[in-house]
Amino acid sequence: MFTGIIEGTAIVRDIIQSGSNTDFWIESSLTQELKIDQSVAHNGVCLTVVQIVGNTYKVTAVDETLKKTNLGFWKKNDVINIERSLRVGDRLDGHFVQGHVDSTAFCIEQQALDGSWLFRFRFPPHFAPLVIEKGSICLNGVSLTVFNVGDDECMVTIIPYTYEHTNFNQIKEGSVINVEFDVMGKYLLRQQHLN
C-alpha cells in the first residue's frame, strides 16, 4: 500500500531480459535504506527488491506487468518516481494507492502556465466510470486531483514542487504514463454490477 506521495526519483541503470521477465537495476539515494523483499512503487508499479549492490538495487517485472504498464518502454538512464510502502501510523497525505496499475494513458497536452503546469491525458474509455471530477487518480505514482473529466480524458495541474521533484518535468505530448484509478471507486463499481 502506498500514498502517491513521491519520495524521490531514481535512474534506470540496466535492463536485462530473463525469459519472459525483465530485470531492472535502479540507482537511488534511498537504496541504502532498502532491504531485500521490500515493496517499492516505481512510476506507481509495486515491485519487490530482490538484490542490492552498492547504490543500486534490482527488481523484476513479469510479462503481465510489462503489458499493462509503461515499464516496457523504459530505457537506460530514464528517470522514474519511487515511493516506499506506507507504514502504519504515517500520515496519509495522498490517497490509498495499491501499486497495481490499471492501464497506461497518453499525454495529449502539456502546457506551462504562470507558476504551474497543465497536463491532459487520454485513457481507455472503459475506465471512464472510475474517473470523477475532483476525484483522486495516481499518475506515474503521483497522487493527483483530476478535473475537466471527459469520456476518455482528464486534466491535472502540477505545482512547482511536484514538477521539480518527480518525472513530470519529462512528460510531454505523446508520453505514456501509468494510471491507477481510485481503489474505492473500483470496489463501488464492482458492487453496483453485482446488484
C-alpha atoms as a PDB file:
ATOM      1  CA  MET A   1       0.000   0.000   0.000  1.00  0.00           C
ATOM      2  CA  PHE A   2       1.256   3.460  -0.952  1.00  0.00           C
ATOM      3  CA  THR A   3       0.040   7.054  -0.800  1.00  0.00           C
ATOM      4  CA  GLY A   4       1.103   8.553  -4.131  1.00  0.00           C
ATOM      5  CA  ILE A   5       3.467  10.970  -2.372  1.00  0.00           C
ATOM      6  CA  ILE A   6       6.749  10.500  -4.216  1.00  0.00           C
ATOM      7  CA  GLU A   7       9.856  10.189  -2.044  1.00  0.00           C
ATOM      8  CA  GLY A   8      12.291  10.864  -4.846  1.00  0.00           C
ATOM      9  CA  THR A   9      13.355   9.993  -8.339  1.00  0.00           C
ATOM     10  CA  ALA A  10      15.666   7.187  -9.385  1.00  0.00           C
ATOM     11  CA  ILE A  11      17.563   6.237 -12.536  1.00  0.00           C
ATOM     12  CA  VAL A  12      17.194   3.045 -14.569  1.00  0.00           C
ATOM     13  CA  ARG A  13      20.797   1.847 -14.865  1.00  0.00           C
ATOM     14  CA  ASP A  14      20.367  -1.506 -16.608  1.00  0.00           C
ATOM     15  CA  ILE A  15      17.637  -3.601 -18.225  1.00  0.00           C
ATOM     16  CA  ILE A  16      18.123  -7.354 -18.585  1.00  0.00           C
ATOM     17  CA  GLN A  17      15.740  -9.813 -20.247  1.00  0.00           C
ATOM     18  CA  SER A  18      15.282 -13.044 -18.288  1.00  0.00           C
ATOM     19  CA  GLY A  19      12.898 -15.294 -20.203  1.00  0.00           C
ATOM     20  CA  SER A  20       9.529 -13.512 -20.280  1.00  0.00           C
ATOM     21  CA  ASN A  21      10.565 -11.363 -17.287  1.00  0.00           C
ATOM     22  CA  THR A  22      12.633  -8.190 -17.265  1.00  0.00           C
ATOM     23  CA  ASP A  23      15.106  -7.257 -14.529  1.00  0.00           C
ATOM     24  CA  PHE A  24      15.703  -3.567 -13.853  1.00  0.00           C
ATOM     25  CA  TRP A  25      18.710  -2.230 -11.956  1.00  0.00           C
ATOM     26  CA  ILE A  26      17.723   1.023 -10.288  1.00  0.00           C
ATOM     27  CA  GLU A  27      20.032   3.669  -8.801  1.00  0.00           C
ATOM     28  CA  SER A  28      18.541   5.681  -5.962  1.00  0.00           C
ATOM     29  CA  SER A  29      19.603   7.780  -2.984  1.00  0.00           C
ATOM     30  CA  LEU A  30      17.199   5.573  -0.982  1.00  0.00           C
ATOM     31  CA  THR A  31      18.966   2.306  -1.851  1.00  0.00           C
ATOM     32  CA  GLN A  32      20.859   2.098   1.448  1.00  0.00           C
ATOM     33  CA  GLU A  33      17.530   2.289   3.318  1.00  0.00           C
ATOM     34  CA  LEU A  34      16.010  -0.609   1.356  1.00  0.00           C
ATOM     35  CA  LYS A  35      16.111  -4.313   2.130  1.00  0.00           C
ATOM     36  CA  ILE A  36      15.579  -7.487   0.139  1.00  0.00           C
ATOM     37  CA  ASP A  37      11.877  -8.418  -0.272  1.00  0.00           C
ATOM     38  CA  GLN A  38      10.705  -4.821   0.294  1.00  0.00           C
ATOM     39  CA  SER A  39       7.948  -3.351  -1.893  1.00  0.00           C
ATOM     40  CA  VAL A  40       8.728  -0.117  -3.721  1.00  0.00           C
ATOM     41  CA  ALA A  41       6.484   1.717  -6.190  1.00  0.00           C
ATOM     42  CA  HIS A  42       8.245   2.586  -9.461  1.00  0.00           C
ATOM     43  CA  ASN A  43       6.176   5.046 -11.528  1.00  0.00           C
ATOM     44  CA  GLY A  44       3.319   3.666  -9.459  1.00  0.00           C
ATOM     45  CA  VAL A  45       4.119  -0.023 -10.083  1.00  0.00           C
ATOM     46  CA  CYS A  46       4.734  -2.101  -6.960  1.00  0.00           C
ATOM     47  CA  LEU A  47       7.898  -4.163  -7.470  1.00  0.00           C
ATOM     48  CA  THR A  48       9.889  -6.238  -4.984  1.00  0.00           C
ATOM     49  CA  VAL A  49      13.549  -5.520  -4.250  1.00  0.00           C
ATOM     50  CA  VAL A  50      15.386  -8.788  -4.986  1.00  0.00           C
ATOM     51  CA  GLN A  51      19.049  -7.727  -4.867  1.00  0.00           C
ATOM     52  CA  ILE A  52      21.083  -4.759  -3.617  1.00  0.00           C
ATOM     53  CA  VAL A  53      24.587  -3.855  -4.811  1.00  0.00           C
ATOM     54  CA  GLY A  54      26.093  -0.559  -3.655  1.00  0.00           C
ATOM     55  CA  ASN A  55      23.724   2.259  -4.522  1.00  0.00           C
ATOM     56  CA  THR A  56      21.675   0.160  -6.958  1.00  0.00           C
ATOM     57  CA  TYR A  57      19.008  -2.480  -6.485  1.00  0.00           C
ATOM     58  CA  LYS A  58      17.272  -4.984  -8.735  1.00  0.00           C
ATOM     59  CA  VAL A  59      13.546  -5.513  -9.286  1.00  0.00           C
ATOM     60  CA  THR A  60      11.842  -7.949 -11.655  1.00  0.00           C
ATOM     61  CA  ALA A  61       8.738  -7.318 -13.757  1.00  0.00           C
ATOM     62  CA  VAL A  62       6.720 -10.225 -15.160  1.00  0.00           C
ATOM     63  CA  ASP A  63       5.156 -10.223 -18.614  1.00  0.00           C
ATOM     64  CA  GLU A  64       1.696  -9.170 -17.334  1.00  0.00           C
ATOM     65  CA  THR A  65       3.207  -6.100 -15.633  1.00  0.00           C
ATOM     66  CA  LEU A  66       5.125  -5.177 -18.763  1.00  0.00           C
ATOM     67  CA  LYS A  67       1.929  -5.359 -20.843  1.00  0.00           C
ATOM     68  CA  LYS A  68      -0.207  -3.202 -18.526  1.00  0.00           C
ATOM     69  CA  THR A  69       2.335  -0.517 -17.626  1.00  0.00           C
ATOM     70  CA  ASN A  70       4.950   1.744 -19.192  1.00  0.00           C
ATOM     71  CA  LEU A  71       7.818  -0.410 -17.875  1.00  0.00           C
ATOM     72  CA  GLY A  72       8.213  -1.967 -21.309  1.00  0.00           C
ATOM     73  CA  PHE A  73       9.103   1.489 -22.658  1.00  0.00           C
ATOM     74  CA  TRP A  74      11.810   2.158 -20.060  1.00  0.00           C
ATOM     75  CA  LYS A  75      15.321   2.777 -21.355  1.00  0.00           C
ATOM     76  CA  LYS A  76      18.672   3.067 -19.601  1.00  0.00           C
ATOM     77  CA  ASN A  77      19.054   6.410 -17.799  1.00  0.00           C
ATOM     78  CA  ASP A  78      15.298   7.054 -17.667  1.00  0.00           C
ATOM     79  CA  VAL A  79      14.196   8.919 -14.549  1.00  0.00           C
ATOM     80  CA  ILE A  80      11.393   7.241 -12.579  1.00  0.00           C
ATOM     81  CA  ASN A  81       9.349   8.140  -9.499  1.00  0.00           C
ATOM     82  CA  ILE A  82       9.776   5.963  -6.411  1.00  0.00           C
ATOM     83  CA  GLU A  83       7.899   5.584  -3.141  1.00  0.00           C
ATOM     84  CA  ARG A  84       8.400   3.084  -0.340  1.00  0.00           C
ATOM     85  CA  SER A  85       5.335   1.379   1.107  1.00  0.00           C
ATOM     86  CA  LEU A  86       3.165   3.085   3.700  1.00  0.00           C
ATOM     87  CA  ARG A  87       3.994   2.429   7.364  1.00  0.00           C
ATOM     88  CA  VAL A  88       1.161   2.074   9.856  1.00  0.00           C
ATOM     89  CA  GLY A  89       0.914   5.344  11.781  1.00  0.00           C
ATOM     90  CA  ASP A  90       2.221   7.531   8.936  1.00  0.00           C
ATOM     91  CA  ARG A  91       0.165  10.437   7.675  1.00  0.00           C
ATOM     92  CA  LEU A  92      -1.801   9.675   4.533  1.00  0.00           C
ATOM     93  CA  ASP A  93      -1.043  12.830   2.564  1.00  0.00           C
ATOM     94  CA  GLY A  94      -2.202  11.492  -0.808  1.00  0.00           C
ATOM     95  CA  HIS A  95      -4.760   8.703  -1.161  1.00  0.00           C
ATOM     96  CA  PHE A  96      -4.703   4.909  -0.855  1.00  0.00           C
ATOM     97  CA  VAL A  97      -2.654   3.539  -3.757  1.00  0.00           C
ATOM     98  CA  GLN A  98      -2.116  -0.189  -4.232  1.00  0.00           C
ATOM     99  CA  GLY A  99       0.727  -0.093  -6.724  1.00  0.00           C
ATOM    100  CA  HIS A 100      -1.424  -2.183  -9.085  1.00  0.00           C
ATOM    101  CA  VAL A 101      -1.501  -0.147 -12.269  1.00  0.00           C
ATOM    102  CA  ASP A 102      -4.746  -0.491 -14.225  1.00  0.00           C
ATOM    103  CA  SER A 103      -3.622   0.870 -17.571  1.00  0.00           C
ATOM    104  CA  THR A 104      -1.464   3.359 -19.365  1.00  0.00           C
ATOM    105  CA  ALA A 105      -2.559   6.769 -20.610  1.00  0.00           C
ATOM    106  CA  PHE A 106      -1.193   9.141 -23.230  1.00  0.00           C
ATOM    107  CA  CYS A 107      -0.311  12.754 -22.642  1.00  0.00           C
ATOM    108  CA  ILE A 108      -2.261  14.707 -25.244  1.00  0.00           C
ATOM    109  CA  GLU A 109      -1.488  18.193 -23.930  1.00  0.00           C
ATOM    110  CA  GLN A 110       1.202  19.790 -21.794  1.00  0.00           C
ATOM    111  CA  GLN A 111       1.066  23.498 -21.126  1.00  0.00           C
ATOM    112  CA  ALA A 112       3.238  25.709 -18.945  1.00  0.00           C
ATOM    113  CA  LEU A 113       1.095  28.164 -17.025  1.00  0.00           C
ATOM    114  CA  ASP A 114       2.285  31.065 -14.882  1.00  0.00           C
ATOM    115  CA  GLY A 115       3.582  29.072 -11.908  1.00  0.00           C
ATOM    116  CA  SER A 116       2.143  25.627 -12.684  1.00  0.00           C
ATOM    117  CA  TRP A 117       1.828  23.068 -15.472  1.00  0.00           C
ATOM    118  CA  LEU A 118      -1.327  21.656 -17.009  1.00  0.00           C
ATOM    119  CA  PHE A 119      -1.453  18.122 -18.399  1.00  0.00           C
ATOM    120  CA  ARG A 120      -4.260  16.391 -20.265  1.00  0.00           C
ATOM    121  CA  PHE A 121      -4.253  12.594 -20.523  1.00  0.00           C
ATOM    122  CA  ARG A 122      -6.272  10.133 -22.604  1.00  0.00           C
ATOM    123  CA  PHE A 123      -7.089   6.754 -21.064  1.00  0.00           C
ATOM    124  CA  PRO A 124      -9.050   3.713 -22.344  1.00  0.00           C
ATOM    125  CA  PRO A 125     -12.752   4.729 -22.343  1.00  0.00           C
ATOM    126  CA  HIS A 126     -13.970   1.657 -20.424  1.00  0.00           C
ATOM    127  CA  PHE A 127     -12.300   3.169 -17.330  1.00  0.00           C
ATOM    128  CA  ALA A 128     -14.475   6.328 -17.565  1.00  0.00           C
ATOM    129  CA  PRO A 129     -16.769   5.353 -14.627  1.00  0.00           C
ATOM    130  CA  LEU A 130     -13.692   5.370 -12.340  1.00  0.00           C
ATOM    131  CA  VAL A 131     -12.737   8.988 -13.062  1.00  0.00           C
ATOM    132  CA  ILE A 132     -14.813  11.693 -11.391  1.00  0.00           C
ATOM    133  CA  GLU A 133     -14.491  15.460 -11.260  1.00  0.00           C
ATOM    134  CA  LYS A 134     -12.207  16.462  -8.355  1.00  0.00           C
ATOM    135  CA  GLY A 135     -11.531  12.785  -7.639  1.00  0.00           C
ATOM    136  CA  SER A 136      -8.200  11.119  -6.928  1.00  0.00           C
ATOM    137  CA  ILE A 137      -6.042   9.402  -9.523  1.00  0.00           C
ATOM    138  CA  CYS A 138      -2.491   8.062  -9.468  1.00  0.00           C
ATOM    139  CA  LEU A 139      -0.378   9.035 -12.498  1.00  0.00           C
ATOM    140  CA  ASN A 140       3.172   7.608 -12.679  1.00  0.00           C
ATOM    141  CA  GLY A 141       2.839   7.003  -8.953  1.00  0.00           C
ATOM    142  CA  VAL A 142       1.782  10.567  -8.112  1.00  0.00           C
ATOM    143  CA  SER A 143      -1.494  11.159  -6.246  1.00  0.00           C
ATOM    144  CA  LEU A 144      -3.374  13.909  -8.079  1.00  0.00           C
ATOM    145  CA  THR A 145      -6.809  15.512  -8.321  1.00  0.00           C
ATOM    146  CA  VAL A 146      -8.469  15.434 -11.745  1.00  0.00           C
ATOM    147  CA  PHE A 147     -10.709  17.990 -13.436  1.00  0.00           C
ATOM    148  CA  ASN A 148     -12.296  18.571 -16.872  1.00  0.00           C
ATOM    149  CA  VAL A 149     -13.162  14.889 -16.952  1.00  0.00           C
ATOM    150  CA  GLY A 150     -14.414  13.520 -20.268  1.00  0.00           C
ATOM    151  CA  ASP A 151     -15.338  10.065 -21.549  1.00  0.00           C
ATOM    152  CA  ASP A 152     -11.703   9.127 -22.139  1.00  0.00           C
ATOM    153  CA  GLU A 153      -9.609  12.008 -20.827  1.00  0.00           C
ATOM    154  CA  CYS A 154      -8.923  14.196 -17.832  1.00  0.00           C
ATOM    155  CA  MET A 155      -6.678  17.050 -16.782  1.00  0.00           C
ATOM    156  CA  VAL A 156      -4.367  17.643 -13.825  1.00  0.00           C
ATOM    157  CA  THR A 157      -2.375  20.664 -12.719  1.00  0.00           C
ATOM    158  CA  ILE A 158       1.141  20.228 -11.324  1.00  0.00           C
ATOM    159  CA  ILE A 159       2.597  22.649  -8.786  1.00  0.00           C
ATOM    160  CA  PRO A 160       6.289  23.653  -8.997  1.00  0.00           C
ATOM    161  CA  TYR A 161       7.392  21.348  -6.136  1.00  0.00           C
ATOM    162  CA  THR A 162       5.868  18.275  -7.781  1.00  0.00           C
ATOM    163  CA  TYR A 163       7.179  19.311 -11.196  1.00  0.00           C
ATOM    164  CA  GLU A 164      10.728  19.636  -9.839  1.00  0.00           C
ATOM    165  CA  HIS A 165      10.733  16.520  -7.617  1.00  0.00           C
ATOM    166  CA  THR A 166       9.059  13.950  -9.905  1.00  0.00           C
ATOM    167  CA  ASN A 167       9.450  12.905 -13.526  1.00  0.00           C
ATOM    168  CA  PHE A 168       6.512  15.100 -14.545  1.00  0.00           C
ATOM    169  CA  ASN A 169       9.171  17.519 -15.796  1.00  0.00           C
ATOM    170  CA  GLN A 170       9.946  14.960 -18.525  1.00  0.00           C
ATOM    171  CA  ILE A 171       6.365  14.209 -19.587  1.00  0.00           C
ATOM    172  CA  LYS A 172       5.358  15.797 -22.862  1.00  0.00           C
ATOM    173  CA  GLU A 173       2.749  15.227 -25.563  1.00  0.00           C
ATOM    174  CA  GLY A 174       2.928  11.586 -26.632  1.00  0.00           C
ATOM    175  CA  SER A 175       4.422  10.325 -23.361  1.00  0.00           C
ATOM    176  CA  VAL A 176       2.969   7.090 -21.983  1.00  0.00           C
ATOM    177  CA  ILE A 177       2.289   7.090 -18.244  1.00  0.00           C
ATOM    178  CA  ASN A 178       0.932   4.592 -15.718  1.00  0.00           C
ATOM    179  CA  VAL A 179      -2.562   5.024 -14.287  1.00  0.00           C
ATOM    180  CA  GLU A 180      -4.067   3.535 -11.154  1.00  0.00           C
ATOM    181  CA  PHE A 181      -7.678   4.501 -10.608  1.00  0.00           C
ATOM    182  CA  ASP A 182      -9.027   5.055  -7.100  1.00  0.00           C
ATOM    183  CA  VAL A 183      -9.465   1.679  -5.382  1.00  0.00           C
ATOM    184  CA  MET A 184     -12.631   2.807  -3.575  1.00  0.00           C
ATOM    185  CA  GLY A 185     -14.201   3.665  -6.915  1.00  0.00           C
ATOM    186  CA  LYS A 186     -13.309   0.212  -8.239  1.00  0.00           C
ATOM    187  CA  TYR A 187     -15.000  -1.543  -5.324  1.00  0.00           C
ATOM    188  CA  LEU A 188     -18.111   0.649  -5.593  1.00  0.00           C
ATOM    189  CA  LEU A 189     -18.379  -0.001  -9.319  1.00  0.00           C
ATOM    190  CA  ARG A 190     -17.977  -3.742  -8.754  1.00  0.00           C
ATOM    191  CA  GLN A 191     -20.711  -3.726  -6.114  1.00  0.00           C
ATOM    192  CA  GLN A 192     -23.019  -1.837  -8.462  1.00  0.00           C
ATOM    193  CA  HIS A 193     -22.536  -4.505 -11.142  1.00  0.00           C
ATOM    194  CA  LEU A 194     -23.294  -7.293  -8.649  1.00  0.00           C
ATOM    195  CA  ASN A 195     -26.599  -5.732  -7.514  1.00  0.00           C
END
